[in-house]
């Protein structure tokens, strides 16, 4: 329904960018849609693992359709922080908190990955930083 609305000239005159906040919620809603279409409660109930393929294809198709309509696309996710010890030093790795099937779809569509962090000084003042990759 939203994609049909975005295809209308009135919407294209009003908006330049579509923001999805958050991608994991959009993924979950897409999963619910696929399950409802198939008349099942879980993707695993669709035979031969086909549910996972249907979900991935539907999610990617919808995101691509937004870009093909000429909109900019901003995909927001939360962060997943993983800690590892390398050469006796603890190192933090930051990555989008996305399902293992959702991540590559989003990653193929984005041009910039940014991470916003807030640092606090000793007086309680905050400074926001945007890190890009």
N, C-alpha and C. Protein backbone atom coordinates (compact mmCIF):
# COMPACT_ATOMS: atom_id res chain seq x y z
N UNK A 1 0.81 -1.18 0.00
CA UNK A 1 0.00 0.00 0.00
C UNK A 1 0.87 1.26 0.00
N UNK A 2 1.90 1.30 0.84
CA UNK A 2 2.76 2.48 0.90
C UNK A 2 3.49 2.66 -0.42
N UNK A 3 3.95 1.57 -1.02
CA UNK A 3 4.65 1.69 -2.30
C UNK A 3 3.74 2.25 -3.38
N UNK A 4 2.47 1.85 -3.36
CA UNK A 4 1.52 2.41 -4.33
C UNK A 4 1.36 3.91 -4.11
N UNK A 5 1.32 4.33 -2.85
CA UNK A 5 1.19 5.75 -2.55
C UNK A 5 2.44 6.51 -2.98
N UNK A 6 3.60 5.92 -2.78
CA UNK A 6 4.85 6.59 -3.17
C UNK A 6 4.98 6.72 -4.68
N UNK A 7 4.30 5.87 -5.42
CA UNK A 7 4.36 5.94 -6.89
C UNK A 7 3.51 7.06 -7.45
N UNK A 8 2.61 7.60 -6.65
CA UNK A 8 1.73 8.67 -7.12
C UNK A 8 2.52 9.97 -7.31
N UNK A 9 2.22 10.71 -8.38
CA UNK A 9 2.92 11.98 -8.63
C UNK A 9 2.83 12.95 -7.45
N UNK A 10 1.70 12.95 -6.73
CA UNK A 10 1.55 13.86 -5.60
C UNK A 10 2.60 13.58 -4.53
N UNK A 11 2.86 12.32 -4.27
CA UNK A 11 3.86 11.94 -3.27
C UNK A 11 5.26 12.30 -3.77
N UNK A 12 5.51 12.06 -5.05
CA UNK A 12 6.82 12.35 -5.59
C UNK A 12 7.11 13.85 -5.61
N UNK A 13 6.07 14.67 -5.67
CA UNK A 13 6.26 16.12 -5.58
C UNK A 13 6.56 16.55 -4.15
N UNK A 14 6.03 15.82 -3.18
CA UNK A 14 6.16 16.21 -1.77
C UNK A 14 7.43 15.68 -1.11
N UNK A 15 7.90 14.51 -1.53
CA UNK A 15 8.99 13.84 -0.82
C UNK A 15 10.15 13.53 -1.75
N UNK A 16 11.36 13.63 -1.18
CA UNK A 16 12.57 13.26 -1.91
C UNK A 16 13.21 12.00 -1.35
N UNK A 17 12.95 11.74 -0.07
CA UNK A 17 13.64 10.67 0.63
C UNK A 17 12.65 9.86 1.45
N UNK A 18 12.88 8.56 1.50
CA UNK A 18 12.12 7.66 2.36
C UNK A 18 13.09 7.13 3.41
N UNK A 19 12.68 7.24 4.68
CA UNK A 19 13.50 6.75 5.78
C UNK A 19 12.80 5.57 6.44
N UNK A 20 13.51 4.49 6.60
CA UNK A 20 12.97 3.31 7.27
C UNK A 20 13.63 3.22 8.65
N UNK A 21 12.82 3.32 9.68
CA UNK A 21 13.31 3.32 11.05
C UNK A 21 12.49 2.32 11.86
N UNK A 22 12.98 1.19 12.08
CA UNK A 22 14.27 0.59 11.79
C UNK A 22 14.09 -0.54 10.77
N UNK A 23 15.22 -0.90 10.17
CA UNK A 23 15.18 -1.97 9.17
C UNK A 23 14.75 -3.30 9.80
N UNK A 24 15.12 -3.53 11.03
CA UNK A 24 14.74 -4.81 11.67
C UNK A 24 13.23 -4.89 11.88
N UNK A 25 12.59 -3.76 12.18
CA UNK A 25 11.13 -3.75 12.30
C UNK A 25 10.49 -3.99 10.94
N UNK A 26 11.03 -3.33 9.90
CA UNK A 26 10.50 -3.54 8.54
C UNK A 26 10.65 -5.00 8.13
N UNK A 27 11.78 -5.62 8.48
CA UNK A 27 12.01 -7.04 8.19
C UNK A 27 10.96 -7.91 8.88
N UNK A 28 10.72 -7.63 10.17
CA UNK A 28 9.72 -8.40 10.92
C UNK A 28 8.32 -8.25 10.33
N UNK A 29 7.97 -7.03 9.91
CA UNK A 29 6.66 -6.80 9.30
C UNK A 29 6.54 -7.52 7.96
N UNK A 30 7.64 -7.54 7.22
CA UNK A 30 7.65 -8.26 5.94
C UNK A 30 7.47 -9.76 6.19
N UNK A 31 8.09 -10.26 7.25
CA UNK A 31 7.93 -11.67 7.61
C UNK A 31 6.47 -11.98 7.95
N UNK A 32 5.83 -11.10 8.70
CA UNK A 32 4.42 -11.28 9.02
C UNK A 32 3.57 -11.31 7.75
N UNK A 33 3.89 -10.45 6.80
CA UNK A 33 3.18 -10.38 5.53
C UNK A 33 3.31 -11.70 4.76
N UNK A 34 4.53 -12.22 4.67
CA UNK A 34 4.77 -13.48 3.96
C UNK A 34 4.01 -14.62 4.64
N UNK A 35 4.04 -14.67 5.97
CA UNK A 35 3.33 -15.71 6.71
C UNK A 35 1.82 -15.61 6.48
N UNK A 36 1.30 -14.38 6.48
CA UNK A 36 -0.14 -14.19 6.25
C UNK A 36 -0.53 -14.64 4.85
N UNK A 37 0.30 -14.32 3.86
CA UNK A 37 0.02 -14.75 2.49
C UNK A 37 -0.01 -16.27 2.37
N UNK A 38 0.89 -16.92 3.09
CA UNK A 38 0.99 -18.38 3.02
C UNK A 38 0.03 -19.07 3.98
N UNK A 39 -0.62 -18.30 4.85
CA UNK A 39 -1.55 -18.89 5.81
C UNK A 39 -0.87 -19.72 6.89
N UNK A 40 0.34 -19.27 7.30
CA UNK A 40 1.09 -19.98 8.33
C UNK A 40 1.44 -19.02 9.47
N UNK A 41 1.88 -19.59 10.57
CA UNK A 41 2.29 -18.78 11.73
C UNK A 41 3.78 -18.44 11.70
N UNK A 42 4.58 -19.34 11.10
CA UNK A 42 6.03 -19.17 11.08
C UNK A 42 6.57 -19.44 9.68
N UNK A 43 7.65 -18.76 9.32
CA UNK A 43 8.28 -19.02 8.02
C UNK A 43 8.66 -20.48 7.86
N UNK A 44 9.11 -21.08 8.95
CA UNK A 44 9.54 -22.48 8.90
C UNK A 44 8.40 -23.41 8.52
N UNK A 45 7.15 -22.96 8.64
CA UNK A 45 6.01 -23.78 8.27
C UNK A 45 5.76 -23.81 6.76
N UNK A 46 6.47 -22.97 6.03
CA UNK A 46 6.37 -23.00 4.56
C UNK A 46 7.36 -24.06 4.08
N UNK A 47 6.90 -25.03 3.31
CA UNK A 47 7.74 -26.19 2.96
C UNK A 47 9.05 -25.83 2.26
N UNK A 48 10.06 -26.68 2.51
CA UNK A 48 11.35 -26.67 1.85
C UNK A 48 12.13 -25.37 2.05
N UNK A 49 11.87 -24.66 3.13
CA UNK A 49 12.61 -23.42 3.39
C UNK A 49 12.26 -22.29 2.46
N UNK A 50 11.20 -22.47 1.69
CA UNK A 50 10.81 -21.47 0.70
C UNK A 50 10.41 -20.14 1.35
N UNK A 51 9.94 -20.17 2.59
CA UNK A 51 9.52 -18.95 3.27
C UNK A 51 10.64 -17.95 3.40
N UNK A 52 11.84 -18.44 3.68
CA UNK A 52 12.99 -17.54 3.83
C UNK A 52 13.35 -16.87 2.51
N UNK A 53 13.23 -17.63 1.42
CA UNK A 53 13.48 -17.05 0.10
C UNK A 53 12.41 -16.03 -0.25
N UNK A 54 11.15 -16.35 0.03
CA UNK A 54 10.06 -15.41 -0.24
C UNK A 54 10.26 -14.11 0.55
N UNK A 55 10.65 -14.24 1.81
CA UNK A 55 10.87 -13.07 2.65
C UNK A 55 12.01 -12.21 2.10
N UNK A 56 13.12 -12.81 1.81
CA UNK A 56 14.27 -12.06 1.28
C UNK A 56 13.92 -11.36 -0.03
N UNK A 57 13.25 -12.09 -0.92
CA UNK A 57 12.88 -11.50 -2.22
C UNK A 57 11.91 -10.34 -2.06
N UNK A 58 10.91 -10.49 -1.19
CA UNK A 58 9.92 -9.43 -0.98
C UNK A 58 10.57 -8.19 -0.36
N UNK A 59 11.40 -8.39 0.64
CA UNK A 59 12.06 -7.27 1.31
C UNK A 59 12.95 -6.51 0.33
N UNK A 60 13.78 -7.23 -0.41
CA UNK A 60 14.67 -6.57 -1.36
C UNK A 60 13.89 -5.88 -2.47
N UNK A 61 12.84 -6.52 -2.95
CA UNK A 61 12.02 -5.94 -4.01
C UNK A 61 11.40 -4.61 -3.56
N UNK A 62 10.91 -4.57 -2.35
CA UNK A 62 10.29 -3.33 -1.84
C UNK A 62 11.32 -2.21 -1.71
N UNK A 63 12.48 -2.52 -1.17
CA UNK A 63 13.52 -1.49 -1.03
C UNK A 63 13.98 -0.99 -2.39
N UNK A 64 14.18 -1.92 -3.32
CA UNK A 64 14.60 -1.51 -4.67
C UNK A 64 13.54 -0.67 -5.36
N UNK A 65 12.29 -1.01 -5.13
CA UNK A 65 11.21 -0.25 -5.75
C UNK A 65 11.22 1.21 -5.28
N UNK A 66 11.53 1.42 -4.02
CA UNK A 66 11.63 2.79 -3.49
C UNK A 66 12.70 3.56 -4.24
N UNK A 67 13.86 2.95 -4.43
CA UNK A 67 14.94 3.64 -5.13
C UNK A 67 14.62 3.82 -6.61
N UNK A 68 13.95 2.85 -7.21
CA UNK A 68 13.60 2.95 -8.63
C UNK A 68 12.54 4.01 -8.88
N UNK A 69 11.78 4.36 -7.85
CA UNK A 69 10.82 5.45 -7.98
C UNK A 69 11.50 6.82 -7.91
N UNK A 70 12.79 6.82 -7.62
CA UNK A 70 13.56 8.06 -7.61
C UNK A 70 13.78 8.66 -6.23
N UNK A 71 13.37 7.96 -5.19
CA UNK A 71 13.56 8.47 -3.84
C UNK A 71 14.95 8.12 -3.33
N UNK A 72 15.48 9.00 -2.48
CA UNK A 72 16.65 8.62 -1.69
C UNK A 72 16.16 7.67 -0.61
N UNK A 73 17.01 6.79 -0.16
CA UNK A 73 16.61 5.81 0.84
C UNK A 73 17.58 5.85 2.02
N UNK A 74 17.04 6.08 3.20
CA UNK A 74 17.82 6.04 4.43
C UNK A 74 17.30 4.86 5.24
N UNK A 75 18.21 3.98 5.60
CA UNK A 75 17.86 2.79 6.38
C UNK A 75 18.52 2.92 7.75
N UNK A 76 17.72 2.93 8.79
CA UNK A 76 18.23 3.08 10.15
C UNK A 76 18.19 1.72 10.86
N UNK A 77 19.24 1.42 11.58
CA UNK A 77 19.28 0.22 12.42
C UNK A 77 19.90 0.59 13.76
N UNK A 78 19.76 -0.30 14.70
CA UNK A 78 20.50 -0.16 15.95
C UNK A 78 21.86 -0.80 15.74
N UNK A 79 22.70 -0.74 16.75
CA UNK A 79 24.05 -1.28 16.62
C UNK A 79 24.18 -2.57 17.43
N UNK A 80 24.96 -3.47 16.88
CA UNK A 80 25.36 -4.68 17.59
C UNK A 80 26.85 -4.55 17.86
N UNK A 81 27.24 -4.65 19.13
CA UNK A 81 28.65 -4.51 19.51
C UNK A 81 29.18 -5.88 19.92
N UNK A 82 30.25 -6.28 19.26
CA UNK A 82 30.89 -7.56 19.57
C UNK A 82 32.30 -7.27 20.08
N UNK A 83 32.69 -7.91 21.16
CA UNK A 83 34.03 -7.70 21.73
C UNK A 83 34.88 -8.94 21.51
N UNK A 84 36.13 -8.70 21.10
CA UNK A 84 37.09 -9.78 20.91
C UNK A 84 38.42 -9.37 21.51
N UNK A 85 39.17 -10.33 21.92
CA UNK A 85 40.52 -10.06 22.40
C UNK A 85 41.51 -10.37 21.28
N UNK A 86 42.27 -9.36 20.91
CA UNK A 86 43.27 -9.50 19.85
C UNK A 86 44.60 -9.02 20.41
N UNK A 87 45.58 -9.88 20.41
CA UNK A 87 46.91 -9.55 20.96
C UNK A 87 46.80 -8.98 22.37
N UNK A 88 46.03 -9.62 23.21
CA UNK A 88 45.82 -9.22 24.61
C UNK A 88 45.10 -7.89 24.78
N UNK A 89 44.51 -7.36 23.71
CA UNK A 89 43.73 -6.13 23.79
C UNK A 89 42.28 -6.42 23.45
N UNK A 90 41.38 -5.85 24.24
CA UNK A 90 39.96 -6.02 23.93
C UNK A 90 39.56 -5.00 22.86
N UNK A 91 38.98 -5.50 21.77
CA UNK A 91 38.60 -4.67 20.64
C UNK A 91 37.09 -4.79 20.44
N UNK A 92 36.45 -3.64 20.24
CA UNK A 92 35.00 -3.64 19.99
C UNK A 92 34.76 -3.51 18.49
N UNK A 93 33.84 -4.33 17.98
CA UNK A 93 33.42 -4.28 16.59
C UNK A 93 31.97 -3.83 16.54
N UNK A 94 31.67 -2.84 15.74
CA UNK A 94 30.33 -2.30 15.61
C UNK A 94 29.75 -2.70 14.26
N UNK A 95 28.51 -3.17 14.28
CA UNK A 95 27.84 -3.58 13.04
C UNK A 95 26.35 -3.31 13.18
N UNK A 96 25.66 -3.16 12.05
CA UNK A 96 24.20 -3.01 12.13
C UNK A 96 23.57 -4.23 12.78
N UNK A 97 22.61 -4.00 13.67
CA UNK A 97 21.91 -5.10 14.36
C UNK A 97 20.79 -5.59 13.45
N UNK A 98 21.15 -6.45 12.53
CA UNK A 98 20.19 -6.96 11.55
C UNK A 98 20.26 -8.48 11.49
N UNK A 99 19.14 -9.07 11.13
CA UNK A 99 19.05 -10.49 10.87
C UNK A 99 20.08 -10.87 9.81
N UNK A 100 20.63 -12.09 9.91
CA UNK A 100 21.68 -12.51 8.97
C UNK A 100 21.21 -12.53 7.52
N UNK A 101 19.92 -12.64 7.28
CA UNK A 101 19.40 -12.60 5.91
C UNK A 101 19.08 -11.17 5.47
N UNK A 102 18.74 -10.32 6.42
CA UNK A 102 18.41 -8.93 6.15
C UNK A 102 19.66 -8.09 5.87
N UNK A 103 20.72 -8.37 6.61
CA UNK A 103 21.95 -7.57 6.51
C UNK A 103 22.49 -7.46 5.08
N UNK A 104 22.69 -8.57 4.36
CA UNK A 104 23.26 -8.42 3.02
C UNK A 104 22.36 -7.65 2.06
N UNK A 105 21.06 -7.74 2.25
CA UNK A 105 20.13 -7.00 1.38
C UNK A 105 20.34 -5.50 1.60
N UNK A 106 20.32 -5.08 2.85
CA UNK A 106 20.52 -3.66 3.16
C UNK A 106 21.91 -3.20 2.74
N UNK A 107 22.90 -4.02 3.00
CA UNK A 107 24.28 -3.66 2.70
C UNK A 107 24.50 -3.43 1.20
N UNK A 108 23.82 -4.21 0.37
CA UNK A 108 23.94 -4.04 -1.09
C UNK A 108 23.33 -2.73 -1.58
N UNK A 109 22.38 -2.20 -0.82
CA UNK A 109 21.66 -1.01 -1.28
C UNK A 109 22.23 0.31 -0.78
N UNK A 110 23.07 0.28 0.23
CA UNK A 110 23.53 1.53 0.82
C UNK A 110 24.84 2.00 0.21
N UNK A 111 25.00 3.32 0.19
CA UNK A 111 26.24 3.92 -0.29
C UNK A 111 27.13 4.34 0.88
N UNK A 112 26.51 4.69 1.99
CA UNK A 112 27.25 5.15 3.16
C UNK A 112 26.71 4.44 4.39
N UNK A 113 27.62 3.97 5.23
CA UNK A 113 27.23 3.44 6.53
C UNK A 113 27.75 4.41 7.58
N UNK A 114 26.86 4.92 8.42
CA UNK A 114 27.26 5.85 9.46
C UNK A 114 26.87 5.32 10.82
N UNK A 115 27.67 5.66 11.81
CA UNK A 115 27.39 5.28 13.19
C UNK A 115 27.43 6.56 14.03
N UNK A 116 26.35 6.84 14.73
CA UNK A 116 26.29 8.02 15.58
C UNK A 116 26.56 7.60 17.02
N UNK A 117 27.49 8.29 17.65
CA UNK A 117 27.84 7.99 19.04
C UNK A 117 27.77 9.29 19.83
N UNK A 118 27.55 9.16 21.12
CA UNK A 118 27.54 10.30 22.03
C UNK A 118 28.64 10.10 23.04
N UNK A 119 29.49 11.10 23.16
CA UNK A 119 30.56 11.07 24.17
C UNK A 119 30.26 12.14 25.20
N UNK A 120 30.54 11.81 26.46
CA UNK A 120 30.26 12.71 27.57
C UNK A 120 31.57 13.17 28.20
N UNK A 121 31.65 14.47 28.53
CA UNK A 121 32.84 14.96 29.24
C UNK A 121 32.60 14.91 30.74
N UNK A 122 33.60 15.34 31.51
CA UNK A 122 33.52 15.26 32.96
C UNK A 122 32.45 16.18 33.56
N UNK A 123 31.97 17.16 32.80
CA UNK A 123 30.91 18.07 33.27
C UNK A 123 29.51 17.61 32.86
N UNK A 124 29.42 16.47 32.19
CA UNK A 124 28.12 15.96 31.76
C UNK A 124 27.63 16.52 30.44
N UNK A 125 28.51 17.23 29.73
CA UNK A 125 28.15 17.76 28.41
C UNK A 125 28.37 16.70 27.35
N UNK A 126 27.49 16.66 26.40
CA UNK A 126 27.59 15.62 25.37
C UNK A 126 28.05 16.20 24.04
N UNK A 127 28.74 15.37 23.31
CA UNK A 127 29.14 15.69 21.94
C UNK A 127 28.77 14.50 21.08
N UNK A 128 28.07 14.76 19.99
CA UNK A 128 27.69 13.69 19.07
C UNK A 128 28.72 13.60 17.95
N UNK A 129 29.03 12.36 17.60
CA UNK A 129 29.99 12.09 16.53
C UNK A 129 29.33 11.18 15.51
N UNK A 130 29.58 11.46 14.24
CA UNK A 130 29.13 10.60 13.16
C UNK A 130 30.35 9.97 12.52
N UNK A 131 30.43 8.65 12.63
CA UNK A 131 31.53 7.90 12.03
C UNK A 131 30.99 7.28 10.74
N UNK A 132 31.76 7.36 9.67
CA UNK A 132 31.31 6.79 8.40
C UNK A 132 32.31 5.75 7.92
N UNK A 133 31.78 4.89 7.06
CA UNK A 133 32.62 3.87 6.46
C UNK A 133 32.32 3.83 4.99
